[in-house]
Amino acid sequence: MPGSMTGDIAERLAELELLCSNNYLGLADHPRVREAAAEAAMRWGVGAGASRLISGTMTIHRRLEERLASFEGSESCLLFGSGYLANIGVIGALAGRGDTVFSDELNHASIVDGCRLSRAEVVVYRHLDVEHLEWSIMRHARRHADGGAMLVVTDSVFSMDGHVAPLEEIVDVARHQGARVVVDEAHATGVLGPGGRGAVAQADLQGEVDVLVGTLGKALGSYGAYACADAQMIRYLLNAARAFIFSTAPSPPAVAGALAALDVLESRPHRVERLHANAAALRRALAGEGFAVEEGEMPIVPLVLGDERAALSLCEEAIARGVFAQAIRPPTVPAGTSRLRLAAMASHTPSDMRMAATVLGEAARSLGLSPGDIGAPALELPAQSGGPADSGAPFDADRDANLGEAPAGDGALEQPPPRAPFDREREAPFARAA
């Protein structure tokens, strides 16, 4: 992503059609959300003033935790200051030295850093590849028979591609092998499932996942995050998650705004349907312009160009024509997959989607780019004829999509099955971690 935004672009943002926000339901500036935040600031102040375990816990924090637990179909909930803090806090509390964490290769950077900071051994399995995950767990299960825990961590919706994790299969494999499961629903809450309750609810897995991590900063239009689990797990996290213990409590205005957003979502679930309709309209319009995108209702639509300069040029040309779609570059995405990451919102209209697609098509052609060469990244799963036991070169932890460095761990990482996609796509541009 660009390191900074020029003054001219910043001044023009209000005039542009925004197509790269995570404000999926358009609630960040909803009147009820604004009013709730303002009223909370007047009543409780701007900041909580301390960590939750000292004097930072207020009635409003408890109220939001109860509402989120009910919304997610879990017994209990714990608020964190941000999604980053939630992931490093939960992973660090559930895994440590002598344990093993299994992480999808395209997991968010906060999960990657949580794995590193836990000091557990980290095994990176291929994106969405449950067979590779199962094989990896089986290789480690014998080692943990006499001690040490196993933890599987995955995003439910991957933020840069819009892929949905096969949660039913992941949970089934983990349960069979005695591993815990943490699912990050950051880009699924408000987007998938009944009433926008997420991918876990969509897969009918409520109560089957050990910890569900969610965010207040995307579809719920505020700032902060939460972990939902059974009451015993939440009591443990309250006392063991260092990112919770040693952080100031979330601000009352942010908590009140999230409560109001949750009210709007629960009382007007048709906003989720409108989001899906706008996403489908955007995808149809992009396909009509010749872009290589698939039909569907997922609001995250990647337009992969590959080359960083081409992505930046298309971003700038689109801005000049009235559409803001940010260019995403390494290390946020793997080398050679720079893109515009589009995101539909419920506050858009179908005509907004058609206009944006037209602008992007015209911008691409003005730069000499063919829309037919721009679209979703290829999702390559291993050939079924070969098995993990026939693996070739050792798995290269440097090819971490998020940061390009090896996660911290005590043991060797897995070997991939042959013809793994990262062998070709991820010639790591970064130095190997020590």
Protein backbone atom coordinates (compact mmCIF):
# COMPACT_ATOMS: atom_id res chain seq x y z
CA MET A 1 0.00 0.00 0.00
CA PRO A 2 1.21 3.56 -0.53
CA GLY A 3 3.19 4.83 2.42
CA SER A 4 1.26 8.10 2.55
CA MET A 5 -1.62 9.90 0.91
CA THR A 6 -1.00 13.22 -0.82
CA GLY A 7 -2.82 16.30 0.41
CA ASP A 8 -4.72 16.64 -2.85
CA ILE A 9 -6.06 13.08 -2.62
CA ALA A 10 -6.95 13.47 1.05
CA GLU A 11 -8.95 16.63 0.30
CA ARG A 12 -10.80 14.88 -2.50
CA LEU A 13 -11.84 11.80 -0.53
CA ALA A 14 -15.21 13.32 0.36
CA GLU A 15 -15.93 13.74 -3.34
CA LEU A 16 -14.96 10.19 -4.34
CA GLU A 17 -16.97 6.99 -4.52
CA LEU A 18 -15.39 4.94 -1.73
CA LEU A 19 -14.77 1.37 -2.83
CA CYS A 20 -12.14 0.11 -0.37
CA SER A 21 -13.64 0.48 3.10
CA ASN A 22 -14.40 -2.30 5.57
CA ASN A 23 -17.51 -0.39 6.69
CA TYR A 24 -19.56 -3.14 5.04
CA LEU A 25 -22.98 -2.21 6.42
CA GLY A 26 -22.45 1.55 6.25
CA LEU A 27 -22.91 1.89 10.02
CA ALA A 28 -19.78 3.90 10.88
CA ASP A 29 -21.61 7.14 10.08
CA HIS A 30 -25.17 5.96 10.77
CA PRO A 31 -27.10 8.66 12.74
CA ARG A 32 -27.97 6.28 15.60
CA VAL A 33 -24.35 5.18 15.92
CA ARG A 34 -23.08 8.76 15.95
CA GLU A 35 -25.64 9.84 18.53
CA ALA A 36 -24.85 6.90 20.80
CA ALA A 37 -21.13 7.64 20.71
CA ALA A 38 -21.70 11.33 21.44
CA GLU A 39 -24.03 10.59 24.35
CA ALA A 40 -21.52 8.11 25.81
CA ALA A 41 -18.73 10.67 25.62
CA MET A 42 -20.87 13.15 27.57
CA ARG A 43 -21.88 10.56 30.16
CA TRP A 44 -18.71 8.49 30.69
CA GLY A 45 -15.99 10.56 29.05
CA VAL A 46 -13.74 9.88 26.08
CA GLY A 47 -11.41 7.33 27.66
CA ALA A 48 -11.82 4.53 30.19
CA GLY A 49 -8.77 5.71 32.12
CA ALA A 50 -7.35 2.31 33.05
CA SER A 51 -7.14 -1.34 32.09
CA ARG A 52 -10.21 -3.51 32.57
CA LEU A 53 -8.78 -5.28 35.64
CA ILE A 54 -7.99 -2.05 37.49
CA SER A 55 -10.78 0.51 37.13
CA GLY A 56 -11.48 0.59 33.39
CA THR A 57 -14.51 -1.71 33.38
CA MET A 58 -17.77 0.24 33.12
CA THR A 59 -21.38 -0.82 32.86
CA ILE A 60 -21.31 -0.18 29.14
CA HIS A 61 -18.47 -2.68 28.65
CA ARG A 62 -20.44 -5.39 30.42
CA ARG A 63 -23.54 -4.55 28.43
CA LEU A 64 -21.76 -4.89 25.08
CA GLU A 65 -20.11 -8.17 26.14
CA GLU A 66 -23.51 -9.61 27.06
CA ARG A 67 -25.05 -8.45 23.77
CA LEU A 68 -22.20 -9.84 21.69
CA ALA A 69 -22.31 -13.20 23.47
CA SER A 70 -26.02 -13.42 22.72
CA PHE A 71 -25.49 -12.31 19.12
CA GLU A 72 -22.78 -14.92 18.54
CA GLY A 73 -24.64 -17.70 20.36
CA SER A 74 -21.95 -18.17 23.02
CA GLU A 75 -21.94 -18.19 26.80
CA SER A 76 -19.60 -15.30 27.38
CA CYS A 77 -17.53 -12.57 25.74
CA LEU A 78 -14.46 -10.44 26.44
CA LEU A 79 -13.76 -7.04 24.85
CA PHE A 80 -10.29 -6.15 23.53
CA GLY A 81 -8.93 -2.81 22.39
CA SER A 82 -8.46 -3.92 18.77
CA GLY A 83 -8.55 -6.95 16.52
CA TYR A 84 -4.77 -7.08 16.59
CA LEU A 85 -4.77 -7.20 20.41
CA ALA A 86 -7.51 -9.84 20.41
CA ASN A 87 -5.60 -12.21 18.14
CA ILE A 88 -2.24 -11.91 19.84
CA GLY A 89 -3.94 -12.13 23.23
CA VAL A 90 -6.03 -15.22 22.47
CA ILE A 91 -3.28 -17.13 20.64
CA GLY A 92 -0.70 -16.29 23.29
CA ALA A 93 -3.03 -17.50 26.03
CA LEU A 94 -3.83 -20.80 24.32
CA ALA A 95 -0.37 -21.74 23.02
CA GLY A 96 3.18 -21.48 24.30
CA ARG A 97 6.48 -23.29 24.36
CA GLY A 98 5.99 -26.99 23.78
CA ASP A 99 2.70 -26.42 21.92
CA THR A 100 2.00 -26.29 18.18
CA VAL A 101 -0.12 -23.78 16.26
CA PHE A 102 -1.43 -24.59 12.77
CA SER A 103 -2.08 -21.46 10.72
CA ASP A 104 -3.44 -20.91 7.18
CA GLU A 105 -0.74 -19.37 4.99
CA LEU A 106 -2.92 -16.35 4.16
CA ASN A 107 -4.05 -15.58 7.70
CA HIS A 108 -4.09 -11.94 8.74
CA ALA A 109 -0.88 -10.40 10.05
CA SER A 110 -2.34 -10.18 13.56
CA ILE A 111 -2.69 -13.97 13.59
CA VAL A 112 0.83 -14.38 12.22
CA ASP A 113 2.21 -12.11 14.93
CA GLY A 114 0.15 -13.89 17.58
CA CYS A 115 1.74 -17.16 16.51
CA ARG A 116 5.23 -15.66 16.71
CA LEU A 117 4.70 -14.07 20.09
CA SER A 118 3.26 -17.26 21.57
CA ARG A 119 6.66 -18.97 21.26
CA ALA A 120 4.88 -22.13 20.18
CA GLU A 121 6.01 -24.15 17.18
CA VAL A 122 4.18 -22.79 14.14
CA VAL A 123 3.07 -24.96 11.23
CA VAL A 124 1.79 -23.04 8.21
CA TYR A 125 -0.62 -25.07 6.10
CA ARG A 126 -1.57 -24.26 2.53
CA HIS A 127 -4.43 -21.86 1.98
CA LEU A 128 -7.82 -23.56 2.51
CA ASP A 129 -6.18 -26.99 2.17
CA VAL A 130 -7.80 -29.16 4.84
CA GLU A 131 -5.96 -32.25 3.60
CA HIS A 132 -2.62 -30.54 4.21
CA LEU A 133 -3.85 -29.34 7.61
CA GLU A 134 -4.91 -32.85 8.63
CA TRP A 135 -1.62 -34.35 7.46
CA SER A 136 0.29 -31.70 9.40
CA ILE A 137 -1.69 -32.29 12.59
CA MET A 138 -1.26 -36.05 12.32
CA ARG A 139 2.52 -35.62 12.05
CA HIS A 140 2.49 -33.71 15.34
CA ALA A 141 -0.25 -35.54 17.25
CA ARG A 142 2.08 -38.35 18.32
CA ARG A 143 4.56 -35.83 19.69
CA HIS A 144 1.83 -34.25 21.83
CA ALA A 145 0.43 -37.52 23.17
CA ASP A 146 2.28 -37.02 26.46
CA GLY A 147 1.92 -33.26 26.70
CA GLY A 148 1.66 -30.03 24.73
CA ALA A 149 -1.41 -28.57 23.10
CA MET A 150 -2.36 -28.18 19.44
CA LEU A 151 -4.22 -25.12 18.16
CA VAL A 152 -5.68 -24.42 14.70
CA VAL A 153 -6.16 -20.74 13.83
CA THR A 154 -7.87 -19.43 10.70
CA ASP A 155 -9.63 -16.42 9.30
CA SER A 156 -13.18 -17.30 8.31
CA VAL A 157 -13.18 -14.76 5.46
CA PHE A 158 -9.77 -13.80 4.06
CA SER A 159 -9.60 -10.05 3.76
CA MET A 160 -7.58 -9.72 0.56
CA ASP A 161 -9.28 -12.43 -1.52
CA GLY A 162 -12.76 -12.87 -0.06
CA HIS A 163 -12.28 -16.64 0.24
CA VAL A 164 -14.37 -18.40 2.90
CA ALA A 165 -12.60 -21.03 4.99
CA PRO A 166 -14.05 -24.59 4.98
CA LEU A 167 -14.88 -24.32 8.67
CA GLU A 168 -16.89 -27.53 8.97
CA GLU A 169 -13.98 -29.59 7.66
CA ILE A 170 -11.41 -27.69 9.74
CA VAL A 171 -13.39 -28.17 12.96
CA ASP A 172 -13.97 -31.84 12.16
CA VAL A 173 -10.25 -32.48 11.59
CA ALA A 174 -9.25 -30.54 14.69
CA ARG A 175 -11.75 -32.32 16.92
CA HIS A 176 -10.70 -35.73 15.62
CA GLN A 177 -7.07 -34.95 16.40
CA GLY A 178 -7.66 -33.24 19.75
CA ALA A 179 -6.77 -29.71 18.65
CA ARG A 180 -8.49 -26.50 19.71
CA VAL A 181 -9.83 -24.09 17.07
CA VAL A 182 -9.77 -20.27 16.97
CA VAL A 183 -11.67 -18.54 14.16
CA ASP A 184 -11.26 -14.85 13.31
CA GLU A 185 -14.61 -13.55 12.01
CA ALA A 186 -13.40 -9.98 11.34
CA HIS A 187 -14.61 -9.94 7.71
CA ALA A 188 -17.56 -12.30 8.23
CA THR A 189 -19.50 -10.58 11.01
CA GLY A 190 -22.26 -8.55 9.40
CA VAL A 191 -21.51 -10.16 6.05
CA LEU A 192 -22.31 -13.89 6.29
CA GLY A 193 -24.66 -16.10 8.24
CA PRO A 194 -28.20 -15.63 9.56
CA GLY A 195 -28.67 -11.97 10.49
CA GLY A 196 -25.00 -11.31 9.73
CA ARG A 197 -23.81 -13.52 12.57
CA GLY A 198 -20.81 -14.72 10.61
CA ALA A 199 -19.35 -17.76 8.89
CA VAL A 200 -19.36 -19.87 12.05
CA ALA A 201 -23.13 -19.41 12.35
CA GLN A 202 -23.54 -19.97 8.61
CA ALA A 203 -21.79 -23.33 9.00
CA ASP A 204 -23.97 -24.12 12.05
CA LEU A 205 -20.89 -24.40 14.24
CA GLN A 206 -21.92 -22.16 17.12
CA GLY A 207 -20.56 -23.77 20.25
CA GLU A 208 -18.18 -25.97 18.24
CA VAL A 209 -15.35 -23.42 17.95
CA ASP A 210 -13.22 -22.90 21.06
CA VAL A 211 -12.81 -19.15 20.58
CA LEU A 212 -14.50 -16.87 18.05
CA VAL A 213 -12.71 -13.56 17.54
CA GLY A 214 -14.68 -10.66 16.11
CA THR A 215 -14.13 -6.99 15.44
CA LEU A 216 -16.14 -3.84 16.12
CA GLY A 217 -14.20 -1.89 13.51
CA LYS A 218 -15.65 -3.24 10.29
CA ALA A 219 -19.34 -4.09 9.79
CA LEU A 220 -20.17 -2.79 13.28
CA GLY A 221 -18.73 0.59 12.38
CA SER A 222 -16.77 1.32 15.57
CA TYR A 223 -13.38 0.34 17.02
CA GLY A 224 -12.28 -2.56 19.17
CA ALA A 225 -12.70 -6.33 19.14
CA TYR A 226 -14.01 -9.25 21.15
CA ALA A 227 -13.56 -12.94 21.88
CA CYS A 228 -16.59 -15.19 22.40
CA ALA A 229 -16.38 -18.61 24.04
CA ASP A 230 -17.81 -20.61 26.91
CA ALA A 231 -17.70 -19.05 30.36
CA GLN A 232 -14.72 -21.07 31.54
CA MET A 233 -12.63 -20.09 28.52
CA ILE A 234 -13.48 -16.41 28.92
CA ARG A 235 -12.51 -16.51 32.60
CA TYR A 236 -9.20 -18.04 31.56
CA LEU A 237 -8.59 -15.40 28.85
CA LEU A 238 -9.42 -12.63 31.31
CA ASN A 239 -6.54 -13.83 33.48
CA ALA A 240 -4.11 -15.06 30.80
CA ALA A 241 -4.44 -12.86 27.68
CA ARG A 242 -1.68 -10.30 28.18
CA ALA A 243 -3.02 -8.03 25.42
CA PHE A 244 -6.21 -7.72 27.49
CA ILE A 245 -4.61 -7.43 30.92
CA PHE A 246 -2.08 -4.75 30.00
CA SER A 247 -4.20 -2.53 27.71
CA THR A 248 -6.50 0.36 28.54
CA ALA A 249 -10.16 -0.59 28.27
CA PRO A 250 -11.96 0.34 25.02
CA SER A 251 -13.29 3.89 25.04
CA PRO A 252 -16.94 4.42 26.08
CA PRO A 253 -17.89 6.21 22.82
CA ALA A 254 -16.55 3.31 20.74
CA VAL A 255 -18.39 0.77 22.91
CA ALA A 256 -21.65 2.73 22.77
CA GLY A 257 -21.30 3.12 19.00
CA ALA A 258 -20.86 -0.63 18.62
CA LEU A 259 -23.92 -1.26 20.79
CA ALA A 260 -25.98 1.04 18.60
CA ALA A 261 -24.65 -0.61 15.44
CA LEU A 262 -25.59 -4.01 16.84
CA ASP A 263 -29.09 -2.66 17.50
CA VAL A 264 -29.38 -1.49 13.90
CA LEU A 265 -28.11 -4.80 12.54
CA GLU A 266 -30.48 -6.89 14.65
CA SER A 267 -33.49 -4.66 13.95
CA ARG A 268 -32.74 -4.21 10.25
CA PRO A 269 -31.07 -7.40 8.99
CA HIS A 270 -32.06 -6.47 5.45
CA ARG A 271 -28.89 -4.34 5.40
CA VAL A 272 -26.99 -7.62 5.02
CA GLU A 273 -29.20 -8.53 2.05
CA ARG A 274 -28.56 -5.09 0.54
CA LEU A 275 -24.83 -5.62 0.97
CA HIS A 276 -25.06 -8.92 -0.92
CA ALA A 277 -27.15 -7.32 -3.67
CA ASN A 278 -24.62 -4.52 -4.11
CA ALA A 279 -21.74 -7.01 -4.14
CA ALA A 280 -23.49 -9.04 -6.84
CA ALA A 281 -24.17 -5.85 -8.84
CA LEU A 282 -20.52 -4.83 -8.59
CA ARG A 283 -19.32 -8.22 -9.75
CA ARG A 284 -21.76 -8.25 -12.70
CA ALA A 285 -20.74 -4.75 -13.72
CA LEU A 286 -17.03 -5.56 -13.52
CA ALA A 287 -17.58 -8.69 -15.61
CA GLY A 288 -19.46 -6.52 -18.10
CA GLU A 289 -16.35 -4.33 -18.37
CA GLY A 290 -14.31 -7.43 -19.14
CA PHE A 291 -12.64 -7.94 -15.76
CA ALA A 292 -11.97 -11.57 -14.81
CA VAL A 293 -14.23 -11.73 -11.77
CA GLU A 294 -16.70 -14.41 -10.76
CA GLU A 295 -20.37 -13.96 -9.95
CA GLY A 296 -21.29 -14.06 -6.29
CA GLU A 297 -22.37 -12.06 -3.26
CA MET A 298 -19.10 -11.68 -1.34
CA PRO A 299 -18.36 -7.95 -1.00
CA ILE A 300 -14.57 -8.34 -1.22
CA VAL A 301 -13.58 -8.27 -4.90
CA PRO A 302 -9.84 -8.43 -5.67
CA LEU A 303 -8.58 -7.07 -8.99
CA VAL A 304 -5.10 -8.57 -9.18
CA LEU A 305 -2.69 -6.90 -11.56
CA GLY A 306 0.51 -8.50 -10.26
CA ASP A 307 2.87 -5.60 -10.83
CA GLU A 308 3.07 -3.02 -8.04
CA ARG A 309 3.46 -0.03 -10.37
CA ALA A 310 0.49 -1.10 -12.46
CA ALA A 311 -1.67 -1.38 -9.35
CA LEU A 312 -0.61 2.07 -8.15
CA SER A 313 -1.21 3.58 -11.58
CA LEU A 314 -4.69 2.10 -11.82
CA CYS A 315 -5.49 3.35 -8.31
CA GLU A 316 -4.37 6.88 -9.16
CA GLU A 317 -6.20 6.91 -12.50
CA ALA A 318 -9.41 5.72 -10.83
CA ILE A 319 -9.12 8.45 -8.20
CA ALA A 320 -8.71 11.04 -10.94
CA ARG A 321 -11.98 9.75 -12.42
CA GLY A 322 -13.89 9.75 -9.12
CA VAL A 323 -13.43 6.27 -7.57
CA PHE A 324 -11.20 5.51 -4.59
CA ALA A 325 -9.99 1.89 -4.71
CA GLN A 326 -6.71 1.54 -2.84
CA ALA A 327 -3.73 -0.30 -4.31
CA ILE A 328 -2.56 -3.16 -2.06
CA ARG A 329 1.08 -4.23 -2.37
CA PRO A 330 3.53 -6.55 -0.60
CA PRO A 331 3.98 -7.29 2.22
CA THR A 332 0.19 -7.10 2.72
CA VAL A 333 -0.22 -9.53 -0.20
CA PRO A 334 2.27 -12.02 -1.70
CA ALA A 335 4.88 -10.75 -4.13
CA GLY A 336 3.54 -10.65 -7.67
CA THR A 337 -0.11 -10.26 -6.60
CA SER A 338 -0.47 -6.49 -6.14
CA ARG A 339 -4.08 -5.51 -6.60
CA LEU A 340 -6.96 -3.18 -6.07
CA ARG A 341 -9.03 -4.65 -3.26
CA LEU A 342 -12.62 -3.54 -3.86
CA ALA A 343 -15.31 -3.71 -1.17
CA ALA A 344 -19.01 -3.13 -1.65
CA MET A 345 -21.08 -1.61 1.16
CA ALA A 346 -24.76 -1.70 2.05
CA SER A 347 -24.81 2.09 1.75
CA HIS A 348 -23.93 1.88 -1.95
CA THR A 349 -26.58 1.66 -4.65
CA PRO A 350 -26.59 -0.57 -7.75
CA SER A 351 -25.96 2.53 -9.86
CA ASP A 352 -22.90 3.31 -7.70
CA MET A 353 -21.60 -0.16 -8.48
CA ARG A 354 -22.16 0.23 -12.22
CA MET A 355 -20.51 3.64 -12.24
CA ALA A 356 -17.49 2.35 -10.32
CA ALA A 357 -17.05 -0.60 -12.68
CA THR A 358 -17.27 1.70 -15.70
CA VAL A 359 -14.66 4.03 -14.23
CA LEU A 360 -12.30 1.16 -13.44
CA GLY A 361 -12.71 -0.27 -16.93
CA GLU A 362 -12.01 3.09 -18.56
CA ALA A 363 -9.07 3.73 -16.25
CA ALA A 364 -7.52 0.35 -17.04
CA ARG A 365 -7.89 0.79 -20.79
CA SER A 366 -6.47 4.34 -20.64
CA LEU A 367 -3.32 2.84 -19.10
CA GLY A 368 -3.05 0.18 -21.80
CA LEU A 369 -4.18 -2.55 -19.41
CA SER A 370 -6.56 -5.29 -20.52
CA PRO A 371 -9.40 -5.83 -18.01
CA GLY A 372 -9.44 -9.48 -19.06
CA ASP A 373 -6.01 -9.88 -17.47
CA ILE A 374 -7.20 -8.34 -14.18
CA GLY A 375 -9.27 -10.30 -11.70
CA ALA A 376 -9.36 -12.73 -8.82
CA PRO A 377 -6.15 -14.59 -7.92
CA ALA A 378 -6.01 -18.22 -8.94
CA LEU A 379 -6.89 -20.59 -6.13
CA GLU A 380 -4.71 -23.63 -6.72
CA LEU A 381 -5.25 -26.68 -4.55
CA PRO A 382 -2.90 -29.68 -4.74
CA ALA A 383 -3.37 -32.34 -7.38
CA GLN A 384 -5.13 -35.34 -5.87
CA SER A 385 -2.76 -37.82 -7.50
CA GLY A 386 0.13 -36.80 -5.28
CA GLY A 387 0.18 -37.07 -1.50
CA PRO A 388 1.93 -35.18 1.26
CA ALA A 389 4.27 -38.11 1.82
CA ASP A 390 5.74 -37.49 -1.64
CA SER A 391 6.77 -33.99 -0.70
CA GLY A 392 9.69 -32.30 -2.33
CA ALA A 393 11.46 -29.20 -1.00
CA PRO A 394 10.97 -28.21 2.65
CA PHE A 395 8.21 -25.74 3.37
CA ASP A 396 9.63 -22.22 3.20
CA ALA A 397 8.40 -20.20 6.15
CA ASP A 398 9.82 -17.06 4.56
CA ARG A 399 6.92 -17.16 2.12
CA ASP A 400 4.50 -15.91 4.71
CA ALA A 401 2.01 -13.82 2.73
CA ASN A 402 1.67 -11.20 5.42
CA LEU A 403 5.18 -10.29 6.49
CA GLY A 404 7.59 -12.36 4.45
CA GLU A 405 9.34 -13.73 7.51
CA ALA A 406 9.31 -17.01 9.34
CA PRO A 407 6.92 -17.29 12.29
CA ALA A 408 8.66 -17.92 15.59
CA GLY A 409 8.64 -21.56 16.58
CA ASP A 410 10.74 -24.21 18.21
CA GLY A 411 10.48 -26.92 15.58
CA ALA A 412 10.77 -27.41 11.83
CA LEU A 413 7.88 -26.44 9.61
CA GLU A 414 6.02 -28.87 7.40
CA GLN A 415 6.91 -30.00 3.91
CA PRO A 416 4.26 -29.24 1.30
CA PRO A 417 2.80 -31.65 -1.23
CA PRO A 418 4.25 -31.32 -4.74
CA ARG A 419 3.31 -28.49 -7.11
CA ALA A 420 2.34 -26.19 -4.21
CA PRO A 421 1.24 -22.77 -5.51
CA PHE A 422 3.72 -20.86 -3.37
CA ASP A 423 6.62 -22.66 -5.06
CA ARG A 424 5.92 -20.60 -8.16
CA GLU A 425 4.28 -17.45 -6.82
CA ARG A 426 6.25 -16.67 -3.71
CA GLU A 427 9.89 -16.18 -4.50
CA ALA A 428 10.39 -14.43 -1.17
CA PRO A 429 11.66 -10.87 -1.66
CA PHE A 430 12.65 -10.64 1.97
CA ALA A 431 15.63 -11.84 3.92
CA ARG A 432 15.23 -15.16 5.71
CA ALA A 433 14.44 -14.63 9.38
CA ALA A 434 17.15 -15.61 11.80
